[in-house]
Protein backbone atom coordinates (compact mmCIF):
# COMPACT_ATOMS: atom_id res chain seq x y z
CA MET A 1 64.29 86.16 102.81
CA GLY A 2 66.85 83.57 101.79
CA GLU A 3 68.73 81.04 103.84
CA GLY A 4 71.62 81.40 106.29
CA VAL A 5 72.52 84.81 107.64
CA LEU A 6 69.75 86.55 105.70
CA ALA A 7 67.10 84.38 107.41
CA MET A 8 68.17 85.57 110.88
CA PRO A 9 65.84 87.94 112.69
CA SER A 10 66.99 91.51 112.11
CA ASP A 11 67.66 92.12 115.84
CA ALA A 12 69.99 89.13 116.04
CA PHE A 13 71.77 90.16 112.86
CA ALA A 14 72.11 93.73 114.09
CA GLN A 15 73.60 92.50 117.38
CA GLN A 16 76.07 90.22 115.59
CA TYR A 17 77.03 93.08 113.30
CA ALA A 18 77.48 95.41 116.28
CA ASP A 19 79.62 92.82 118.08
CA LEU A 20 81.76 92.27 114.99
CA ALA A 21 82.11 96.01 114.39
CA GLU A 22 83.18 96.54 118.01
CA LEU A 23 85.74 93.74 117.80
CA ALA A 24 87.13 94.99 114.49
CA GLY A 25 87.21 98.58 115.75
CA GLY A 26 89.19 97.53 118.82
CA PHE A 27 91.62 95.59 116.65
CA ILE A 28 92.15 98.53 114.30
CA HIS A 29 92.57 100.88 117.25
CA GLU A 30 95.34 98.66 118.68
CA ILE A 31 97.09 98.53 115.31
CA LYS A 32 96.88 102.33 115.07
CA ASN A 33 98.61 102.65 118.45
CA HIS A 34 101.56 100.63 117.18
CA LEU A 35 101.60 102.44 113.85
CA ASN A 36 101.74 105.78 115.64
CA THR A 37 104.65 104.58 117.80
CA LEU A 38 106.48 103.28 114.73
CA SER A 39 105.81 106.49 112.82
CA LEU A 40 107.03 108.70 115.66
CA ASN A 41 110.23 106.68 116.03
CA LEU A 42 110.85 106.82 112.29
CA GLN A 43 110.45 110.61 112.40
CA LEU A 44 112.92 110.89 115.28
CA LEU A 45 115.39 108.59 113.54
CA ALA A 46 115.03 110.58 110.30
CA GLU A 47 115.89 113.75 112.22
CA ASP A 48 119.17 112.09 113.22
CA PHE A 49 119.88 111.56 109.51
CA GLU A 50 118.59 114.97 108.41
CA ASN A 51 121.92 115.94 106.83
CA PRO A 52 123.28 112.67 105.41
CA GLU A 53 127.00 112.71 104.80
CA THR A 54 127.47 109.35 103.12
CA GLN A 55 125.65 107.30 100.52
CA ARG A 56 124.73 104.82 103.25
CA GLU A 57 123.13 107.56 105.35
CA ARG A 58 121.20 108.83 102.29
CA ARG A 59 119.87 105.32 101.61
CA ALA A 60 118.92 104.93 105.28
CA LEU A 61 117.07 108.26 105.21
CA ASP A 62 115.26 107.23 102.00
CA ARG A 63 114.17 103.97 103.64
CA MET A 64 112.97 105.79 106.74
CA THR A 65 110.99 108.21 104.58
CA ARG A 66 109.37 105.34 102.65
CA LEU A 67 108.52 103.46 105.85
CA HIS A 68 107.03 106.60 107.38
CA GLY A 69 104.90 107.02 104.25
CA GLU A 70 103.67 103.43 104.54
CA CYS A 71 102.75 104.04 108.19
CA ARG A 72 100.76 107.10 107.11
CA ARG A 73 98.93 105.13 104.41
CA LEU A 74 98.02 102.38 106.87
CA ALA A 75 96.87 104.96 109.42
CA ASP A 76 94.71 106.64 106.74
CA LEU A 77 93.17 103.29 105.83
CA SER A 78 92.41 102.57 109.47
CA ASN A 79 90.92 106.07 109.86
CA ASP A 80 88.56 105.24 107.00
CA PHE A 81 87.53 102.08 108.84
CA LEU A 82 87.07 103.46 112.36
CA PRO A 83 84.29 105.97 111.57
CA VAL A 84 81.97 103.13 110.56
CA ARG A 85 79.43 102.53 113.30
CA PRO A 86 76.78 99.83 113.66
CA GLY A 87 73.39 101.08 112.53
CA GLY A 88 74.76 102.82 109.47
CA SER A 89 75.94 106.12 110.86
CA ALA A 90 79.44 107.35 110.25
CA ARG A 91 81.39 110.03 112.02
CA THR A 92 81.72 113.21 110.09
CA GLY A 93 83.85 116.21 110.74
CA PRO A 94 86.66 118.34 109.42
CA GLY A 95 88.55 116.64 106.64
CA ARG A 96 85.78 114.11 105.97
CA PRO A 97 83.51 115.81 103.44
CA GLY A 98 81.21 113.54 101.52
CA ARG A 99 81.44 110.59 103.90
CA ARG A 100 78.62 108.16 103.30
CA ASP A 101 76.09 107.65 106.07
CA ARG A 102 76.43 103.88 105.90
CA PRO A 103 79.24 101.38 106.44
CA ASP A 104 81.90 101.22 103.77
CA ASP A 105 81.24 98.01 101.86
CA ARG A 106 84.97 97.34 101.44
CA PHE A 107 85.01 96.29 105.09
CA LEU A 108 82.02 93.98 104.86
CA ARG A 109 83.38 91.42 102.37
CA PRO A 110 86.78 89.78 102.36
CA ASP A 111 87.22 90.35 98.63
CA GLY A 112 86.78 94.12 99.10
CA LYS A 113 84.05 94.30 96.45
CA GLY A 114 81.18 95.19 98.81
């Protein structure tokens, strides 16, 4: 094998990968908690503006709707990340047809090119 990380014994590399995956998974999980809280509060606030009477209320409702959509997109992205497990297995289940049985390369390199 080559130099650097690739020259490490596979057990040491696997342990480092597992540690990094656990740390990243915990981080994503914490972010999801806050996203869910933000999303729920945006939904409740949007209910208060369900029947806007003024242009200002319509703009506020539009902004709430956009923010809620962004929360959903971030939650979906984090859901794609969390199923990745060290060792190459990924969670499968309803709504996840065709998931690969290896880590998603987008999460292994900072440039997202796997």
